[in-house]
Amino acid sequence: MSEGVTARRDMVVSKGGALAAVAAGGAIGSLGRWGAGLLAPGAVWPTLLVNVTGALAMGLLVAWLAAGERHPLVRPAVSVGLLGGWTTYSSFALDAHGLAGDGLGDLLAYLVLTLGLGLGAALLGLVIGDRLWHASPSADEAVAEEEL
């Protein structure tokens, strides 16, 4: 990449581009999560759905980022903004608290499903992404060391 393009990209990011990218991604992700919640109001399943699909998407994103050079605003827009708005720890905690009143079995099942499926989905995303985009192990390590 030429120095002019690199300098321009650095300027875009340093001049508030990252803030705008995160805000735009967050608005889209949050609206999507809100829409998913409308599908089954009061139920815990929309929260489980958005968190597991968000974990899968994060795994795919990490593999895609590791496979090549991307615009510097992609990472903050998608990982922090879009996926940060789409996934929700606060609703997960609130749902778990609500299930605690229904008995220990429902609560434990929800916790195990959320954590197990989330971790499994993230790993699946990484594996699928590595196969799709042929990321090298050293690139995976470089992406893992950067803040998402």
Protein backbone atom coordinates (compact mmCIF):
# COMPACT_ATOMS: atom_id res chain seq x y z
CA MET A 1 0.00 0.00 0.00
CA SER A 2 1.34 3.43 -0.86
CA GLU A 3 2.33 5.90 1.83
CA GLY A 4 -0.32 8.38 0.62
CA VAL A 5 -3.13 5.86 1.08
CA THR A 6 -1.81 4.84 4.52
CA ALA A 7 -1.51 8.47 5.63
CA ARG A 8 -5.05 9.20 4.41
CA ARG A 9 -6.44 6.18 6.25
CA ASP A 10 -4.63 7.23 9.42
CA MET A 11 -6.08 10.72 9.08
CA VAL A 12 -9.63 9.36 8.61
CA VAL A 13 -9.32 7.24 11.73
CA SER A 14 -7.68 9.98 13.81
CA LYS A 15 -10.22 12.65 12.77
CA GLY A 16 -13.22 10.95 14.32
CA GLY A 17 -13.78 8.34 11.66
CA ALA A 18 -13.57 5.56 14.22
CA LEU A 19 -16.13 7.26 16.44
CA ALA A 20 -18.53 7.64 13.53
CA ALA A 21 -17.93 4.04 12.44
CA VAL A 22 -18.63 2.69 15.92
CA ALA A 23 -21.74 4.86 16.27
CA ALA A 24 -23.13 3.78 12.89
CA GLY A 25 -22.41 0.12 13.53
CA GLY A 26 -23.84 0.35 17.02
CA ALA A 27 -27.05 1.93 15.76
CA ILE A 28 -27.54 -0.86 13.23
CA GLY A 29 -26.68 -3.63 15.69
CA SER A 30 -28.89 -2.19 18.44
CA LEU A 31 -31.85 -1.80 16.11
CA GLY A 32 -31.37 -5.38 14.96
CA ARG A 33 -31.29 -6.62 18.56
CA TRP A 34 -34.41 -4.62 19.36
CA GLY A 35 -36.12 -6.19 16.34
CA ALA A 36 -35.10 -9.68 17.45
CA GLY A 37 -36.63 -8.95 20.86
CA LEU A 38 -39.94 -8.10 19.18
CA LEU A 39 -40.12 -11.64 17.81
CA ALA A 40 -40.69 -13.11 21.29
CA PRO A 41 -41.28 -10.34 23.84
CA GLY A 42 -40.52 -11.30 27.41
CA ALA A 43 -38.73 -14.51 26.40
CA VAL A 44 -35.05 -15.25 26.90
CA TRP A 45 -34.62 -16.82 23.47
CA PRO A 46 -34.02 -13.61 21.49
CA THR A 47 -31.13 -12.79 23.84
CA LEU A 48 -29.68 -16.26 23.36
CA LEU A 49 -30.10 -15.91 19.59
CA VAL A 50 -28.34 -12.55 19.32
CA ASN A 51 -25.50 -13.57 21.63
CA VAL A 52 -24.81 -16.86 19.84
CA THR A 53 -25.07 -15.37 16.34
CA GLY A 54 -22.88 -12.47 17.51
CA ALA A 55 -20.25 -14.92 18.73
CA LEU A 56 -20.34 -16.74 15.38
CA ALA A 57 -20.03 -13.44 13.53
CA MET A 58 -17.11 -12.38 15.73
CA GLY A 59 -15.28 -15.62 14.94
CA LEU A 60 -15.85 -15.06 11.22
CA LEU A 61 -14.76 -11.44 11.53
CA VAL A 62 -11.51 -12.32 13.30
CA ALA A 63 -10.66 -14.89 10.62
CA TRP A 64 -11.51 -12.43 7.84
CA LEU A 65 -9.41 -9.69 9.42
CA ALA A 66 -6.48 -12.10 9.79
CA ALA A 67 -6.66 -13.09 6.12
CA GLY A 68 -5.66 -9.73 4.71
CA GLU A 69 -5.33 -6.01 5.11
CA ARG A 70 -8.66 -4.27 5.71
CA HIS A 71 -9.70 -0.65 5.95
CA PRO A 72 -8.88 0.56 9.50
CA LEU A 73 -12.52 1.45 10.19
CA VAL A 74 -13.83 -2.08 9.54
CA ARG A 75 -12.71 -3.41 12.92
CA PRO A 76 -14.27 -0.68 15.08
CA ALA A 77 -17.41 -0.45 12.94
CA VAL A 78 -18.14 -4.17 12.94
CA SER A 79 -16.64 -5.56 16.15
CA VAL A 80 -17.31 -2.74 18.60
CA GLY A 81 -20.22 -1.07 16.82
CA LEU A 82 -22.33 -3.62 14.96
CA LEU A 83 -21.60 -6.70 17.06
CA GLY A 84 -21.41 -4.70 20.28
CA GLY A 85 -24.88 -3.34 19.57
CA TRP A 86 -26.21 -6.72 18.44
CA THR A 87 -25.00 -8.75 21.42
CA THR A 88 -26.03 -8.02 24.97
CA TYR A 89 -24.55 -9.02 28.28
CA SER A 90 -26.94 -6.84 30.24
CA SER A 91 -30.04 -8.58 28.85
CA PHE A 92 -28.35 -11.94 29.42
CA ALA A 93 -27.83 -11.04 33.09
CA LEU A 94 -31.38 -9.74 33.43
CA ASP A 95 -32.82 -12.85 31.77
CA ALA A 96 -30.75 -15.08 34.05
CA HIS A 97 -32.00 -13.18 37.09
CA GLY A 98 -35.58 -13.61 35.89
CA LEU A 99 -35.10 -17.33 35.35
CA ALA A 100 -33.66 -17.74 38.85
CA GLY A 101 -37.15 -17.22 40.23
CA ASP A 102 -38.46 -20.07 38.06
CA GLY A 103 -36.10 -22.62 39.53
CA LEU A 104 -32.48 -23.58 39.41
CA GLY A 105 -32.91 -25.97 36.46
CA ASP A 106 -34.09 -23.30 34.01
CA LEU A 107 -31.39 -20.91 35.15
CA LEU A 108 -28.57 -23.43 34.80
CA ALA A 109 -29.84 -24.60 31.41
CA TYR A 110 -29.90 -21.02 30.14
CA LEU A 111 -26.43 -20.26 31.48
CA VAL A 112 -24.92 -23.45 30.06
CA LEU A 113 -26.67 -23.00 26.70
CA THR A 114 -25.60 -19.39 26.37
CA LEU A 115 -21.97 -19.94 27.33
CA GLY A 116 -21.57 -23.29 25.57
CA LEU A 117 -23.29 -22.26 22.35
CA GLY A 118 -21.53 -18.87 22.38
CA LEU A 119 -18.07 -20.37 22.73
CA GLY A 120 -18.89 -23.09 20.22
CA ALA A 121 -20.23 -20.54 17.73
CA ALA A 122 -17.14 -18.34 18.06
CA LEU A 123 -14.85 -21.32 17.46
CA LEU A 124 -17.00 -22.47 14.55
CA GLY A 125 -16.78 -18.98 13.06
CA LEU A 126 -12.99 -19.07 13.35
CA VAL A 127 -12.76 -22.50 11.72
CA ILE A 128 -15.15 -21.61 8.89
CA GLY A 129 -13.42 -18.27 8.38
CA ASP A 130 -9.97 -19.84 8.27
CA ARG A 131 -11.19 -22.28 5.63
CA LEU A 132 -12.92 -19.57 3.60
CA TRP A 133 -10.15 -16.98 3.73
CA HIS A 134 -7.09 -19.17 4.36
CA ALA A 135 -5.70 -17.11 7.20
CA SER A 136 -2.25 -18.08 8.41
CA PRO A 137 -1.65 -18.99 12.07
CA SER A 138 0.65 -15.99 12.48
CA ALA A 139 -2.08 -13.68 11.15
CA ASP A 140 -4.55 -15.21 13.63
CA GLU A 141 -2.14 -14.42 16.47
CA ALA A 142 -1.69 -10.84 15.26
CA VAL A 143 -5.46 -10.28 15.17
CA ALA A 144 -5.87 -11.89 18.59
CA GLU A 145 -3.29 -9.52 20.07
CA GLU A 146 -5.10 -6.44 18.78
CA GLU A 147 -8.02 -5.00 20.67
CA LEU A 148 -11.37 -5.83 19.11
